[in-house]
C-alpha atoms as a PDB file:
ATOM      1  CA  MET A   1      21.866  -0.399  -0.564  1.00  0.00           C
ATOM      2  CA  LYS A   2      21.473   2.676  -2.761  1.00  0.00           C
ATOM      3  CA  LEU A   3      19.393   5.649  -1.746  1.00  0.00           C
ATOM      4  CA  THR A   4      17.411   5.359  -4.952  1.00  0.00           C
ATOM      5  CA  PHE A   5      15.957   2.126  -3.582  1.00  0.00           C
ATOM      6  CA  ILE A   6      14.407   3.940  -0.623  1.00  0.00           C
ATOM      7  CA  SER A   7      10.827   5.161  -0.862  1.00  0.00           C
ATOM      8  CA  ALA A   8       8.243   6.756   1.388  1.00  0.00           C
ATOM      9  CA  LEU A   9       4.809   5.211   1.910  1.00  0.00           C
ATOM     10  CA  VAL A  10       2.507   7.914   3.211  1.00  0.00           C
ATOM     11  CA  PHE A  11      -1.123   7.580   2.189  1.00  0.00           C
ATOM     12  CA  CYS A  12      -3.573  10.477   2.203  1.00  0.00           C
ATOM     13  CA  ILE A  13      -6.646  10.255   0.147  1.00  0.00           C
ATOM     14  CA  PHE A  14      -7.696  13.283  -1.856  1.00  0.00           C
ATOM     15  CA  ILE A  15      -5.374  15.457   0.245  1.00  0.00           C
ATOM     16  CA  LEU A  16      -1.634  15.619   0.606  1.00  0.00           C
ATOM     17  CA  PRO A  17       0.714  14.539  -2.233  1.00  0.00           C
ATOM     18  CA  ASN A  18       2.682  11.936  -0.383  1.00  0.00           C
ATOM     19  CA  THR A  19       3.220   8.613  -2.138  1.00  0.00           C
ATOM     20  CA  ALA A  20       6.008   6.079  -2.525  1.00  0.00           C
ATOM     21  CA  LYS A  21       8.989   8.048  -3.778  1.00  0.00           C
ATOM     22  CA  SER A  22      12.700   8.832  -3.468  1.00  0.00           C
ATOM     23  CA  ASP A  23      12.822  12.586  -3.002  1.00  0.00           C
ATOM     24  CA  GLY A  24      15.923  14.508  -4.036  1.00  0.00           C
ATOM     25  CA  TRP A  25      17.713  11.793  -6.003  1.00  0.00           C
ATOM     26  CA  THR A  26      17.153  11.368  -9.733  1.00  0.00           C
ATOM     27  CA  GLN A  27      17.450   7.951 -11.352  1.00  0.00           C
ATOM     28  CA  PRO A  28      20.574   7.217 -13.444  1.00  0.00           C
ATOM     29  CA  LYS A  29      20.046   7.272 -17.191  1.00  0.00           C
ATOM     30  CA  GLY A  30      18.086   4.229 -18.372  1.00  0.00           C
ATOM     31  CA  GLN A  31      17.242   3.004 -14.855  1.00  0.00           C
ATOM     32  CA  LEU A  32      13.690   2.193 -13.772  1.00  0.00           C
ATOM     33  CA  PHE A  33      12.479   2.218 -10.190  1.00  0.00           C
ATOM     34  CA  ALA A  34       8.957   0.835  -9.596  1.00  0.00           C
ATOM     35  CA  LYS A  35       6.889   0.141  -6.517  1.00  0.00           C
ATOM     36  CA  VAL A  36       3.495  -1.406  -5.829  1.00  0.00           C
ATOM     37  CA  TYR A  37       1.859  -0.863  -2.462  1.00  0.00           C
ATOM     38  CA  ALA A  38      -1.280  -1.780  -0.531  1.00  0.00           C
ATOM     39  CA  GLY A  39      -2.652  -0.818   2.856  1.00  0.00           C
ATOM     40  CA  THR A  40      -5.521   0.254   5.054  1.00  0.00           C
ATOM     41  CA  MET A  41      -6.568   3.555   6.615  1.00  0.00           C
ATOM     42  CA  LEU A  42      -8.990   4.423   9.416  1.00  0.00           C
ATOM     43  CA  ALA A  43     -10.301   7.606  11.026  1.00  0.00           C
ATOM     44  CA  SER A  44     -12.975   7.631  13.744  1.00  0.00           C
ATOM     45  CA  SER A  45     -12.566  11.293  14.715  1.00  0.00           C
ATOM     46  CA  TYR A  46     -11.659  14.619  13.149  1.00  0.00           C
ATOM     47  CA  ARG A  47     -10.191  18.002  14.078  1.00  0.00           C
ATOM     48  CA  ASN A  48     -12.643  20.900  14.055  1.00  0.00           C
ATOM     49  CA  LEU A  49     -11.903  24.540  13.220  1.00  0.00           C
ATOM     50  CA  ASP A  50     -10.572  25.079  16.746  1.00  0.00           C
ATOM     51  CA  GLY A  51      -8.101  22.215  16.318  1.00  0.00           C
ATOM     52  CA  GLU A  52      -9.906  20.037  18.868  1.00  0.00           C
ATOM     53  CA  SER A  53     -10.607  16.332  18.303  1.00  0.00           C
ATOM     54  CA  ALA A  54     -14.317  15.651  17.727  1.00  0.00           C
ATOM     55  CA  PHE A  55     -15.760  12.136  17.911  1.00  0.00           C
ATOM     56  CA  TYR A  56     -19.437  12.977  17.483  1.00  0.00           C
ATOM     57  CA  LYS A  57     -21.672  15.231  15.441  1.00  0.00           C
ATOM     58  CA  LEU A  58     -25.233  16.324  16.244  1.00  0.00           C
ATOM     59  CA  ASP A  59     -28.323  15.478  14.168  1.00  0.00           C
ATOM     60  CA  THR A  60     -31.099  18.032  14.892  1.00  0.00           C
ATOM     61  CA  ARG A  61     -33.558  17.111  12.140  1.00  0.00           C
ATOM     62  CA  ASP A  62     -35.985  15.125  14.348  1.00  0.00           C
ATOM     63  CA  SER A  63     -36.790  17.836  16.892  1.00  0.00           C
ATOM     64  CA  ILE A  64     -40.053  16.173  17.990  1.00  0.00           C
ATOM     65  CA  ASN A  65     -38.599  12.874  19.206  1.00  0.00           C
ATOM     66  CA  TYR A  66     -35.172  14.303  20.027  1.00  0.00           C
ATOM     67  CA  PRO A  67     -35.548  17.966  21.089  1.00  0.00           C
ATOM     68  CA  ASN A  68     -31.868  18.118  22.032  1.00  0.00           C
ATOM     69  CA  GLY A  69     -30.736  16.335  18.900  1.00  0.00           C
ATOM     70  CA  ARG A  70     -29.021  12.958  18.497  1.00  0.00           C
ATOM     71  CA  LYS A  71     -25.288  12.405  18.617  1.00  0.00           C
ATOM     72  CA  TYR A  72     -23.727  10.174  16.004  1.00  0.00           C
ATOM     73  CA  ALA A  73     -20.246   8.856  15.391  1.00  0.00           C
ATOM     74  CA  THR A  74     -18.504   8.948  11.996  1.00  0.00           C
ATOM     75  CA  GLU A  75     -15.907   6.472  10.748  1.00  0.00           C
ATOM     76  CA  LEU A  76     -13.902   6.803   7.546  1.00  0.00           C
ATOM     77  CA  SER A  77     -12.071   3.713   6.321  1.00  0.00           C
ATOM     78  CA  GLY A  78     -10.259   2.684   3.180  1.00  0.00           C
ATOM     79  CA  LEU A  79      -8.273   0.042   1.334  1.00  0.00           C
ATOM     80  CA  LEU A  80      -5.429   1.587  -0.618  1.00  0.00           C
ATOM     81  CA  SER A  81      -3.145   0.370  -3.372  1.00  0.00           C
ATOM     82  CA  GLY A  82      -1.176   1.836  -6.224  1.00  0.00           C
ATOM     83  CA  LEU A  83       1.808   2.003  -8.525  1.00  0.00           C
ATOM     84  CA  TYR A  84       4.679   4.471  -8.353  1.00  0.00           C
ATOM     85  CA  ALA A  85       7.552   4.579 -10.850  1.00  0.00           C
ATOM     86  CA  GLU A  86      10.585   6.651 -11.802  1.00  0.00           C
ATOM     87  CA  TYR A  87      12.607   6.436 -15.019  1.00  0.00           C
ATOM     88  CA  GLY A  88      15.907   8.184 -15.692  1.00  0.00           C
ATOM     89  CA  VAL A  89      15.814   9.917 -19.070  1.00  0.00           C
ATOM     90  CA  SER A  90      19.264  11.248 -18.204  1.00  0.00           C
ATOM     91  CA  ASN A  91      21.339  11.325 -15.044  1.00  0.00           C
ATOM     92  CA  ASP A  92      19.814  14.708 -14.186  1.00  0.00           C
ATOM     93  CA  PHE A  93      16.232  14.283 -15.443  1.00  0.00           C
ATOM     94  CA  THR A  94      13.718  11.690 -14.211  1.00  0.00           C
ATOM     95  CA  LEU A  95      10.139  10.990 -15.257  1.00  0.00           C
ATOM     96  CA  LEU A  96       7.606  10.213 -12.498  1.00  0.00           C
ATOM     97  CA  LEU A  97       4.397   8.170 -12.519  1.00  0.00           C
ATOM     98  CA  ASP A  98       1.959   7.963  -9.609  1.00  0.00           C
ATOM     99  CA  ILE A  99      -1.330   6.031  -9.870  1.00  0.00           C
ATOM    100  CA  PRO A 100      -3.142   5.376  -6.560  1.00  0.00           C
ATOM    101  CA  PHE A 101      -6.334   3.303  -6.335  1.00  0.00           C
ATOM    102  CA  GLY A 102      -8.638   2.864  -3.386  1.00  0.00           C
ATOM    103  CA  TYR A 103     -11.906   1.797  -1.819  1.00  0.00           C
ATOM    104  CA  PHE A 104     -13.248   4.367   0.650  1.00  0.00           C
ATOM    105  CA  ALA A 105     -16.231   3.983   2.983  1.00  0.00           C
ATOM    106  CA  LEU A 106     -18.071   6.193   5.462  1.00  0.00           C
ATOM    107  CA  HIS A 107     -20.202   4.847   8.304  1.00  0.00           C
ATOM    108  CA  GLU A 108     -22.336   7.062  10.577  1.00  0.00           C
ATOM    109  CA  VAL A 109     -23.842   5.458  13.702  1.00  0.00           C
ATOM    110  CA  TYR A 110     -26.148   6.997  16.332  1.00  0.00           C
ATOM    111  CA  SER A 111     -24.954   7.054  19.933  1.00  0.00           C
ATOM    112  CA  THR A 112     -26.803   7.656  23.212  1.00  0.00           C
ATOM    113  CA  ASN A 113     -23.705   9.039  24.932  1.00  0.00           C
ATOM    114  CA  GLN A 114     -20.051   9.762  24.299  1.00  0.00           C
ATOM    115  CA  ILE A 115     -18.878   6.250  25.169  1.00  0.00           C
ATOM    116  CA  VAL A 116     -21.250   3.655  23.713  1.00  0.00           C
ATOM    117  CA  VAL A 117     -22.328   3.511  20.064  1.00  0.00           C
ATOM    118  CA  ASP A 118     -25.839   2.080  19.671  1.00  0.00           C
ATOM    119  CA  GLY A 119     -25.255   0.433  16.334  1.00  0.00           C
ATOM    120  CA  GLU A 120     -28.215   2.063  14.544  1.00  0.00           C
ATOM    121  CA  THR A 121     -26.848   3.214  11.209  1.00  0.00           C
ATOM    122  CA  LYS A 122     -27.607   6.779  10.252  1.00  0.00           C
ATOM    123  CA  TYR A 123     -25.813   6.788   6.900  1.00  0.00           C
ATOM    124  CA  GLU A 124     -23.274   4.738   5.016  1.00  0.00           C
ATOM    125  CA  SER A 125     -21.741   4.968   1.584  1.00  0.00           C
ATOM    126  CA  SER A 126     -18.633   3.898  -0.299  1.00  0.00           C
ATOM    127  CA  ILE A 127     -16.729   4.633  -3.482  1.00  0.00           C
ATOM    128  CA  THR A 128     -14.035   2.834  -5.460  1.00  0.00           C
ATOM    129  CA  GLN A 129     -11.897   5.034  -7.658  1.00  0.00           C
ATOM    130  CA  PHE A 130      -8.523   6.304  -8.789  1.00  0.00           C
ATOM    131  CA  PRO A 131      -8.087   9.507  -6.731  1.00  0.00           C
ATOM    132  CA  TYR A 132      -5.897  10.898  -9.532  1.00  0.00           C
ATOM    133  CA  PHE A 133      -3.436  10.018 -12.283  1.00  0.00           C
ATOM    134  CA  GLY A 134      -0.059  11.606 -11.588  1.00  0.00           C
ATOM    135  CA  PHE A 135       2.602  12.471 -14.170  1.00  0.00           C
ATOM    136  CA  GLY A 136       5.719  14.433 -13.268  1.00  0.00           C
ATOM    137  CA  THR A 137       9.417  15.143 -13.537  1.00  0.00           C
ATOM    138  CA  ARG A 138      12.414  15.642 -11.264  1.00  0.00           C
ATOM    139  CA  TRP A 139      15.406  17.740 -12.332  1.00  0.00           C
ATOM    140  CA  LYS A 140      18.671  17.571 -10.419  1.00  0.00           C
ATOM    141  CA  MET A 141      20.095  21.073  -9.944  1.00  0.00           C
ATOM    142  CA  SER A 142      23.282  20.332  -8.022  1.00  0.00           C
ATOM    143  CA  VAL A 143      25.167  17.369  -6.660  1.00  0.00           C
ATOM    144  CA  GLY A 144      28.076  16.936  -4.284  1.00  0.00           C
ATOM    145  CA  LYS A 145      27.801  15.552  -0.835  1.00  0.00           C
ATOM    146  CA  SER A 146      24.196  16.756  -0.943  1.00  0.00           C
ATOM    147  CA  VAL A 147      21.634  16.760  -3.755  1.00  0.00           C
ATOM    148  CA  THR A 148      19.151  19.498  -4.658  1.00  0.00           C
ATOM    149  CA  ALA A 149      16.366  18.940  -7.169  1.00  0.00           C
ATOM    150  CA  LEU A 150      13.241  20.574  -8.522  1.00  0.00           C
ATOM    151  CA  SER A 151      10.113  18.483  -9.006  1.00  0.00           C
ATOM    152  CA  LEU A 152       6.786  19.005 -10.748  1.00  0.00           C
ATOM    153  CA  MET A 153       3.768  16.682 -10.642  1.00  0.00           C
ATOM    154  CA  MET A 154       0.432  17.073 -12.417  1.00  0.00           C
ATOM    155  CA  ARG A 155      -2.484  15.189 -10.855  1.00  0.00           C
ATOM    156  CA  ILE A 156      -5.345  14.594 -13.253  1.00  0.00           C
ATOM    157  CA  PRO A 157      -8.704  13.702 -11.641  1.00  0.00           C
ATOM    158  CA  PRO A 158     -10.657  10.619 -12.792  1.00  0.00           C
ATOM    159  CA  GLY A 159     -13.683  12.791 -13.631  1.00  0.00           C
ATOM    160  CA  PHE A 160     -14.165  16.320 -14.882  1.00  0.00           C
ATOM    161  CA  HIS A 161     -17.136  17.570 -12.872  1.00  0.00           C
ATOM    162  CA  ASN A 162     -16.641  21.148 -11.633  1.00  0.00           C
ATOM    163  CA  GLY A 163     -17.130  21.595  -7.885  1.00  0.00           C
ATOM    164  CA  VAL A 164     -17.348  19.420  -4.770  1.00  0.00           C
ATOM    165  CA  ALA A 165     -20.631  20.492  -3.156  1.00  0.00           C
ATOM    166  CA  ASN A 166     -22.705  19.652  -6.235  1.00  0.00           C
ATOM    167  CA  ASP A 167     -20.709  16.598  -7.312  1.00  0.00           C
ATOM    168  CA  PRO A 168     -22.948  13.744  -8.560  1.00  0.00           C
ATOM    169  CA  HIS A 169     -21.036  11.352  -6.302  1.00  0.00           C
ATOM    170  CA  GLU A 170     -23.017  10.839  -3.091  1.00  0.00           C
ATOM    171  CA  PHE A 171     -19.791  10.425  -1.125  1.00  0.00           C
ATOM    172  CA  LEU A 172     -16.522  12.340  -1.627  1.00  0.00           C
ATOM    173  CA  SER A 173     -16.077  13.673  -5.205  1.00  0.00           C
ATOM    174  CA  ASP A 174     -14.088  13.197  -8.393  1.00  0.00           C
ATOM    175  CA  ASN A 175     -11.431  15.599  -6.999  1.00  0.00           C
ATOM    176  CA  ALA A 176      -9.872  18.342  -9.140  1.00  0.00           C
ATOM    177  CA  MET A 177      -6.794  19.083 -11.218  1.00  0.00           C
ATOM    178  CA  GLN A 178      -3.703  19.719  -9.089  1.00  0.00           C
ATOM    179  CA  VAL A 179      -0.191  20.911  -9.956  1.00  0.00           C
ATOM    180  CA  LEU A 180       2.411  20.221  -7.288  1.00  0.00           C
ATOM    181  CA  GLY A 181       5.868  21.740  -7.545  1.00  0.00           C
ATOM    182  CA  GLY A 182       8.779  22.543  -5.297  1.00  0.00           C
ATOM    183  CA  ILE A 183      12.318  21.888  -4.156  1.00  0.00           C
ATOM    184  CA  GLU A 184      13.804  18.659  -2.746  1.00  0.00           C
ATOM    185  CA  PHE A 185      17.003  18.298  -0.741  1.00  0.00           C
ATOM    186  CA  GLY A 186      18.854  15.066   0.069  1.00  0.00           C
ATOM    187  CA  LEU A 187      21.912  14.515   2.233  1.00  0.00           C
ATOM    188  CA  PRO A 188      23.561  11.065   2.501  1.00  0.00           C
ATOM    189  CA  PHE A 189      25.953  10.252   5.306  1.00  0.00           C
ATOM    190  CA  LYS A 190      27.581   7.146   6.747  1.00  0.00           C
ATOM    191  CA  ASP A 191      24.924   4.453   7.197  1.00  0.00           C
ATOM    192  CA  GLY A 192      22.038   6.857   6.643  1.00  0.00           C
ATOM    193  CA  TRP A 193      20.462   9.863   4.971  1.00  0.00           C
ATOM    194  CA  MET A 194      18.250  12.900   5.462  1.00  0.00           C
ATOM    195  CA  VAL A 195      15.640  14.342   3.087  1.00  0.00           C
ATOM    196  CA  SER A 196      13.525  17.474   3.191  1.00  0.00           C
ATOM    197  CA  THR A 197      11.071  18.869   0.641  1.00  0.00           C
ATOM    198  CA  LEU A 198       9.006  22.030   0.348  1.00  0.00           C
ATOM    199  CA  LYS A 199       6.210  22.005  -2.245  1.00  0.00           C
ATOM    200  CA  TYR A 200       3.307  24.187  -3.289  1.00  0.00           C
ATOM    201  CA  ASN A 201       0.121  22.439  -4.420  1.00  0.00           C
ATOM    202  CA  TYR A 202      -1.919  24.575  -6.835  1.00  0.00           C
ATOM    203  CA  ARG A 203      -5.436  23.113  -6.856  1.00  0.00           C
ATOM    204  CA  PHE A 204      -8.238  23.950  -9.280  1.00  0.00           C
ATOM    205  CA  GLU A 205     -12.017  24.295  -8.803  1.00  0.00           C
ATOM    206  CA  ASP A 206     -13.026  25.004  -5.167  1.00  0.00           C
ATOM    207  CA  LEU A 207     -10.098  23.170  -3.535  1.00  0.00           C
ATOM    208  CA  GLN A 208      -7.782  25.576  -1.706  1.00  0.00           C
ATOM    209  CA  ASP A 209      -4.043  25.646  -2.452  1.00  0.00           C
ATOM    210  CA  GLU A 210      -1.667  23.986   0.004  1.00  0.00           C
ATOM    211  CA  LEU A 211       1.940  24.240   1.176  1.00  0.00           C
ATOM    212  CA  ALA A 212       3.485  20.884   2.104  1.00  0.00           C
ATOM    213  CA  PHE A 213       6.705  20.255   4.038  1.00  0.00           C
ATOM    214  CA  HIS A 214       8.260  16.793   4.448  1.00  0.00           C
ATOM    215  CA  VAL A 215      11.342  15.753   6.417  1.00  0.00           C
ATOM    216  CA  GLU A 216      12.803  12.298   7.052  1.00  0.00           C
ATOM    217  CA  ALA A 217      15.859  10.634   8.532  1.00  0.00           C
ATOM    218  CA  GLY A 218      16.928   7.075   7.817  1.00  0.00           C
ATOM    219  CA  SER A 219      19.500   4.487   8.853  1.00  0.00           C
ATOM    220  CA  GLN A 220      21.061   1.487   7.091  1.00  0.00           C
ATOM    221  CA  LYS A 221      23.374   0.255   9.844  1.00  0.00           C
ATOM    222  CA  ILE A 222      21.957  -3.272   9.700  1.00  0.00           C
ATOM    223  CA  PRO A 223      22.975  -4.937   6.389  1.00  0.00           C
ATOM    224  CA  ASN A 224      20.205  -5.356   3.784  1.00  0.00           C
ATOM    225  CA  THR A 225      17.684  -3.375   5.839  1.00  0.00           C
ATOM    226  CA  PHE A 226      16.679   0.221   6.390  1.00  0.00           C
ATOM    227  CA  ILE A 227      14.549   2.115   8.881  1.00  0.00           C
ATOM    228  CA  LYS A 228      13.375   5.686   8.793  1.00  0.00           C
ATOM    229  CA  ILE A 229      11.170   8.161  10.608  1.00  0.00           C
ATOM    230  CA  TYR A 230       9.468  11.103   8.952  1.00  0.00           C
ATOM    231  CA  GLY A 231       7.147  14.024   9.502  1.00  0.00           C
ATOM    232  CA  ASP A 232       4.742  16.004   7.326  1.00  0.00           C
ATOM    233  CA  ILE A 233       3.215  19.441   7.723  1.00  0.00           C
ATOM    234  CA  LEU A 234       0.324  20.573   5.533  1.00  0.00           C
ATOM    235  CA  GLN A 235      -0.756  24.226   5.578  1.00  0.00           C
ATOM    236  CA  SER A 236      -3.788  25.492   3.695  1.00  0.00           C
ATOM    237  CA  MET A 237      -3.137  28.754   1.855  1.00  0.00           C
ATOM    238  CA  GLY A 238      -6.769  29.903   2.128  1.00  0.00           C
ATOM    239  CA  SER A 239      -8.791  31.472   4.932  1.00  0.00           C
ATOM    240  CA  PHE A 240     -10.998  29.169   7.035  1.00  0.00           C
ATOM    241  CA  SER A 241     -13.601  31.900   7.592  1.00  0.00           C
ATOM    242  CA  ASN A 242     -16.093  30.429   5.095  1.00  0.00           C
ATOM    243  CA  VAL A 243     -15.413  26.714   5.594  1.00  0.00           C
ATOM    244  CA  GLY A 244     -18.437  25.952   7.778  1.00  0.00           C
ATOM    245  CA  ASP A 245     -19.059  22.805   9.807  1.00  0.00           C
ATOM    246  CA  PHE A 246     -16.927  19.739   9.036  1.00  0.00           C
ATOM    247  CA  ASN A 247     -18.691  17.585   6.439  1.00  0.00           C
ATOM    248  CA  PRO A 248     -17.490  13.954   6.634  1.00  0.00           C
ATOM    249  CA  ARG A 249     -19.361  13.014   3.446  1.00  0.00           C
ATOM    250  CA  ARG A 250     -17.480  15.324   1.120  1.00  0.00           C
ATOM    251  CA  THR A 251     -13.946  15.879  -0.109  1.00  0.00           C
ATOM    252  CA  ILE A 252     -12.219  18.310   2.249  1.00  0.00           C
ATOM    253  CA  LEU A 253     -11.701  21.679   0.556  1.00  0.00           C
ATOM    254  CA  GLN A 254      -8.935  22.833   2.897  1.00  0.00           C
ATOM    255  CA  GLU A 255      -7.190  21.636   6.046  1.00  0.00           C
ATOM    256  CA  ASN A 256      -4.090  21.871   8.189  1.00  0.00           C
ATOM    257  CA  TYR A 257      -2.341  18.964   9.883  1.00  0.00           C
ATOM    258  CA  ILE A 258       0.917  17.567  11.222  1.00  0.00           C
ATOM    259  CA  ALA A 259       1.629  13.864  10.747  1.00  0.00           C
ATOM    260  CA  ALA A 260       4.464  11.472  11.549  1.00  0.00           C
ATOM    261  CA  GLY A 261       5.376   7.911  10.652  1.00  0.00           C
ATOM    262  CA  ALA A 262       8.026   5.222  10.364  1.00  0.00           C
ATOM    263  CA  THR A 263       9.075   2.692   7.714  1.00  0.00           C
ATOM    264  CA  PHE A 264      11.062  -0.527   7.978  1.00  0.00           C
ATOM    265  CA  GLY A 265      12.396  -2.260   4.872  1.00  0.00           C
ATOM    266  CA  VAL A 266      14.338  -5.416   4.072  1.00  0.00           C
ATOM    267  CA  GLN A 267      16.021  -6.720   0.932  1.00  0.00           C
ATOM    268  CA  VAL A 268      14.215  -9.858  -0.248  1.00  0.00           C
ATOM    269  CA  ALA A 269      16.234 -10.420  -3.443  1.00  0.00           C
ATOM    270  CA  GLU A 270      18.766  -8.603  -5.567  1.00  0.00           C
ATOM    271  CA  ASN A 271      17.330  -5.146  -6.340  1.00  0.00           C
ATOM    272  CA  TRP A 272      14.052  -6.051  -4.583  1.00  0.00           C
ATOM    273  CA  TYR A 273      12.871  -4.561  -1.277  1.00  0.00           C
ATOM    274  CA  LEU A 274       9.859  -5.139   0.954  1.00  0.00           C
ATOM    275  CA  ASP A 275       8.800  -2.470   3.443  1.00  0.00           C
ATOM    276  CA  VAL A 276       6.080  -1.833   6.024  1.00  0.00           C
ATOM    277  CA  ASP A 277       4.918   1.622   7.054  1.00  0.00           C
ATOM    278  CA  TYR A 278       2.677   3.260   9.640  1.00  0.00           C
ATOM    279  CA  SER A 279       1.714   6.939   9.792  1.00  0.00           C
ATOM    280  CA  ALA A 280      -0.779   9.001  11.775  1.00  0.00           C
ATOM    281  CA  ARG A 281      -1.853  12.598  12.238  1.00  0.00           C
ATOM    282  CA  PHE A 282      -1.593  14.007  15.744  1.00  0.00           C
ATOM    283  CA  THR A 283      -2.802  17.592  15.288  1.00  0.00           C
ATOM    284  CA  GLY A 284      -4.668  19.621  12.694  1.00  0.00           C
ATOM    285  CA  LYS A 285      -7.615  21.783  11.705  1.00  0.00           C
ATOM    286  CA  ASN A 286     -10.695  20.786   9.686  1.00  0.00           C
ATOM    287  CA  SER A 287      -9.051  17.408   9.035  1.00  0.00           C
ATOM    288  CA  TRP A 288      -9.592  13.694   9.677  1.00  0.00           C
ATOM    289  CA  ASN A 289      -7.426  12.018  12.352  1.00  0.00           C
ATOM    290  CA  ILE A 290      -6.212   9.383   9.919  1.00  0.00           C
ATOM    291  CA  GLY A 291      -3.983   6.413  10.726  1.00  0.00           C
ATOM    292  CA  THR A 292      -2.533   4.319   7.898  1.00  0.00           C
ATOM    293  CA  PHE A 293      -0.719   0.986   7.671  1.00  0.00           C
ATOM    294  CA  ALA A 294       0.807  -0.196   4.401  1.00  0.00           C
ATOM    295  CA  ILE A 295       3.238  -2.616   2.786  1.00  0.00           C
ATOM    296  CA  GLY A 296       5.217  -2.058  -0.394  1.00  0.00           C
ATOM    297  CA  LEU A 297       7.328  -4.065  -2.812  1.00  0.00           C
ATOM    298  CA  SER A 298       9.878  -2.191  -4.921  1.00  0.00           C
ATOM    299  CA  ALA A 299      12.398  -3.108  -7.589  1.00  0.00           C
ATOM    300  CA  THR A 300      15.159  -1.336  -9.479  1.00  0.00           C
ATOM    301  CA  ILE A 301      16.081  -2.295 -13.027  1.00  0.00           C
ATOM    302  CA  PRO A 302      19.504  -0.710 -13.690  1.00  0.00           C
ATOM    303  CA  GLU A 303      19.435  -0.800 -17.511  1.00  0.00           C
ATOM    304  CA  LEU A 304      16.030  -0.901 -19.100  1.00  0.00           C
END
């Protein structure tokens, strides 16, 4: 199994730039790597500005009938799919394509206490869209036992409305232009590999810039299979002083979080691999506690 076959499936809607990919390694000249993926995501709580998990928000609009307000739960869910591809223009220069697609829904339900949800819907909405259209490059700087590469990805939003708060979408937004660039490092060893990346995400409009760090370790000791574990750290580059209360109905302008996950893959035919992935966030700030499960099917065409 070649390392170029291996890809990461980490889904984050409108947030972190993690998709199916093979960080560090460029594709050989004329070779195409392509992957289609599909999965689900769910978040029934979020991290507030103090980094604490919050399961309920307070509705204080009906002060006559509910002088102390009414608690309500929020649930964000989604169905995710997409296409990721890499093509080797030369042995040192690879073109990248990243096109995610998803259905996202928000459900708010009143609750009488912190255990039981009544079932009376307060608000619900959904949206089906391409979060962005990604076009990028990877340039291999050095190669030996390890590989170092530079990567650049431009994420073009599906709409061109300026601003999140006044977006005509009732739920979420059309996102904003993003330019993600950084350094990737890969180290193969007997029956396995390690990868780490450090990238800066320059985001337009009112979205705050982000610094993203990814690390993974994988093993191929069992023939025709691979397994890996990975971690992600996202750090907002802006101050949280003017963020305000967490708004589950809108695209998050800035957040911090740490996430981890694992992927298992198996060869189903020559140059074809099937993998399953699960990832979750376990700490953060102003961020959804998202868990994601996905499957992916990838293929490598050596000489296109």
